[in-house]
Amino acid sequence: MHVGGFCVYYCHIMRVCYFCGTKLDEKLEVFRSSSCVHCGKDLKICYNCRFHSLGVHMDCLESIAEPVRDKDRSNFCDYFRFKDSAGKSSSGDQGKRAKENFQKLFGNGTS
């Protein structure tokens, strides 16, 4: 759809389980005891949180007091907000692309 010369896309908010990629209802409230209906794994984990970011202080964009050791297990973090995601495979593809771009820019370390 075009509005004022701009193309407008309507996106459906999608939440997926980090482990199996099962689509979850965007209205689903996630608690510490919540688990995926398909694989049974925990949902309130760092990898499902919009504030999780590798490489920043304690891998979290929020100012957490203590690091979360097991980022793939349920925790008590008060900052948790479920992120909109394309699932586990996209983060792997993103990391692979980043590594390829790094090697293009700096070479592979051999002379």
Protein backbone atom coordinates (compact mmCIF):
# COMPACT_ATOMS: atom_id res chain seq x y z
CA MET A 1 0.00 0.00 0.00
CA HIS A 2 1.34 3.44 -0.89
CA VAL A 3 0.66 6.40 1.40
CA GLY A 4 2.06 9.86 0.58
CA GLY A 5 4.72 8.40 -1.71
CA PHE A 6 5.86 5.89 0.88
CA CYS A 7 5.29 2.17 0.79
CA VAL A 8 3.60 1.00 3.97
CA TYR A 9 3.91 -2.60 5.11
CA TYR A 10 1.64 -4.18 7.65
CA CYS A 11 3.63 -6.50 9.87
CA HIS A 12 2.21 -9.12 12.15
CA ILE A 13 4.01 -9.18 15.48
CA MET A 14 5.45 -12.65 15.81
CA ARG A 15 6.89 -14.25 18.89
CA VAL A 16 8.65 -17.57 18.59
CA CYS A 17 10.22 -20.07 20.94
CA TYR A 18 14.00 -19.67 20.85
CA PHE A 19 14.53 -23.44 20.94
CA CYS A 20 12.04 -24.85 18.43
CA GLY A 21 10.75 -21.82 16.54
CA THR A 22 7.08 -22.46 17.37
CA LYS A 23 4.98 -19.36 16.82
CA LEU A 24 3.43 -18.06 20.03
CA ASP A 25 0.43 -15.80 20.58
CA GLU A 26 1.58 -12.18 20.87
CA LYS A 27 -0.85 -11.69 23.77
CA LEU A 28 0.66 -14.57 25.74
CA GLU A 29 1.81 -13.44 29.18
CA VAL A 30 5.14 -15.00 30.04
CA PHE A 31 5.96 -15.89 33.64
CA ARG A 32 8.96 -17.66 35.16
CA SER A 33 7.09 -20.97 34.96
CA SER A 34 5.90 -20.49 31.35
CA SER A 35 6.99 -23.08 28.83
CA CYS A 36 6.61 -23.67 25.11
CA VAL A 37 3.52 -25.65 24.14
CA HIS A 38 5.53 -27.58 21.54
CA CYS A 39 8.93 -28.40 23.07
CA GLY A 40 8.27 -27.73 26.75
CA LYS A 41 11.35 -25.50 27.20
CA ASP A 42 11.33 -22.34 29.34
CA LEU A 43 10.09 -19.14 27.69
CA LYS A 44 11.26 -16.51 30.20
CA ILE A 45 14.90 -16.74 29.18
CA CYS A 46 17.45 -14.16 28.09
CA TYR A 47 17.46 -15.42 24.49
CA ASN A 48 13.73 -14.61 24.21
CA CYS A 49 14.15 -11.11 25.71
CA ARG A 50 14.28 -7.93 23.64
CA PHE A 51 17.03 -6.56 25.92
CA HIS A 52 19.43 -9.47 25.37
CA SER A 53 22.39 -8.31 23.29
CA LEU A 54 25.67 -10.19 22.99
CA GLY A 55 28.73 -8.11 23.69
CA VAL A 56 27.19 -5.43 25.88
CA HIS A 57 27.70 -5.39 29.66
CA MET A 58 26.41 -8.74 30.99
CA ASP A 59 24.78 -9.29 27.56
CA CYS A 60 21.83 -7.09 28.56
CA LEU A 61 20.79 -3.62 27.43
CA GLU A 62 19.20 -3.00 30.84
CA SER A 63 21.25 -2.18 33.92
CA ILE A 64 20.92 -5.50 35.72
CA ALA A 65 22.62 -5.88 39.10
CA GLU A 66 23.88 -9.44 38.64
CA PRO A 67 24.68 -11.42 35.49
CA VAL A 68 22.34 -14.21 34.48
CA ARG A 69 24.52 -17.32 34.22
CA ASP A 70 22.19 -19.66 32.32
CA LYS A 71 20.71 -17.53 29.59
CA ASP A 72 18.74 -20.47 28.21
CA ARG A 73 16.94 -21.21 31.51
CA SER A 74 14.08 -19.45 33.24
CA ASN A 75 15.07 -16.57 35.54
CA PHE A 76 13.66 -13.88 37.83
CA CYS A 77 14.61 -10.82 35.76
CA ASP A 78 12.14 -7.95 36.15
CA TYR A 79 13.20 -6.36 32.85
CA PHE A 80 12.09 -9.29 30.68
CA ARG A 81 10.05 -8.31 27.61
CA PHE A 82 9.42 -10.89 24.92
CA LYS A 83 11.13 -9.90 21.70
CA ASP A 84 9.66 -10.05 18.23
CA SER A 85 11.75 -12.61 16.44
CA ALA A 86 12.27 -14.85 13.48
CA GLY A 87 13.62 -17.65 15.66
CA LYS A 88 16.88 -19.30 16.49
CA SER A 89 18.18 -19.81 12.94
CA SER A 90 18.13 -16.10 12.09
CA SER A 91 20.56 -15.25 14.90
CA GLY A 92 22.93 -17.94 13.61
CA ASP A 93 22.68 -16.57 10.08
CA GLN A 94 23.28 -13.06 11.40
CA GLY A 95 26.42 -14.21 13.23
CA LYS A 96 27.67 -15.99 10.13
CA ARG A 97 27.12 -12.86 8.01
CA ALA A 98 28.91 -10.72 10.60
CA LYS A 99 31.90 -13.07 10.58
CA GLU A 100 32.02 -13.07 6.76
CA ASN A 101 31.87 -9.25 6.67
CA PHE A 102 34.64 -9.06 9.28
CA GLN A 103 36.85 -11.37 7.22
CA LYS A 104 36.18 -9.36 4.07
CA LEU A 105 37.17 -6.19 5.87
CA PHE A 106 40.20 -7.43 7.81
CA GLY A 107 41.16 -10.66 6.06
CA ASN A 108 41.38 -14.06 7.65
CA GLY A 109 44.48 -13.36 9.76
CA THR A 110 47.01 -15.12 7.53
CA SER A 111 49.70 -13.24 5.67
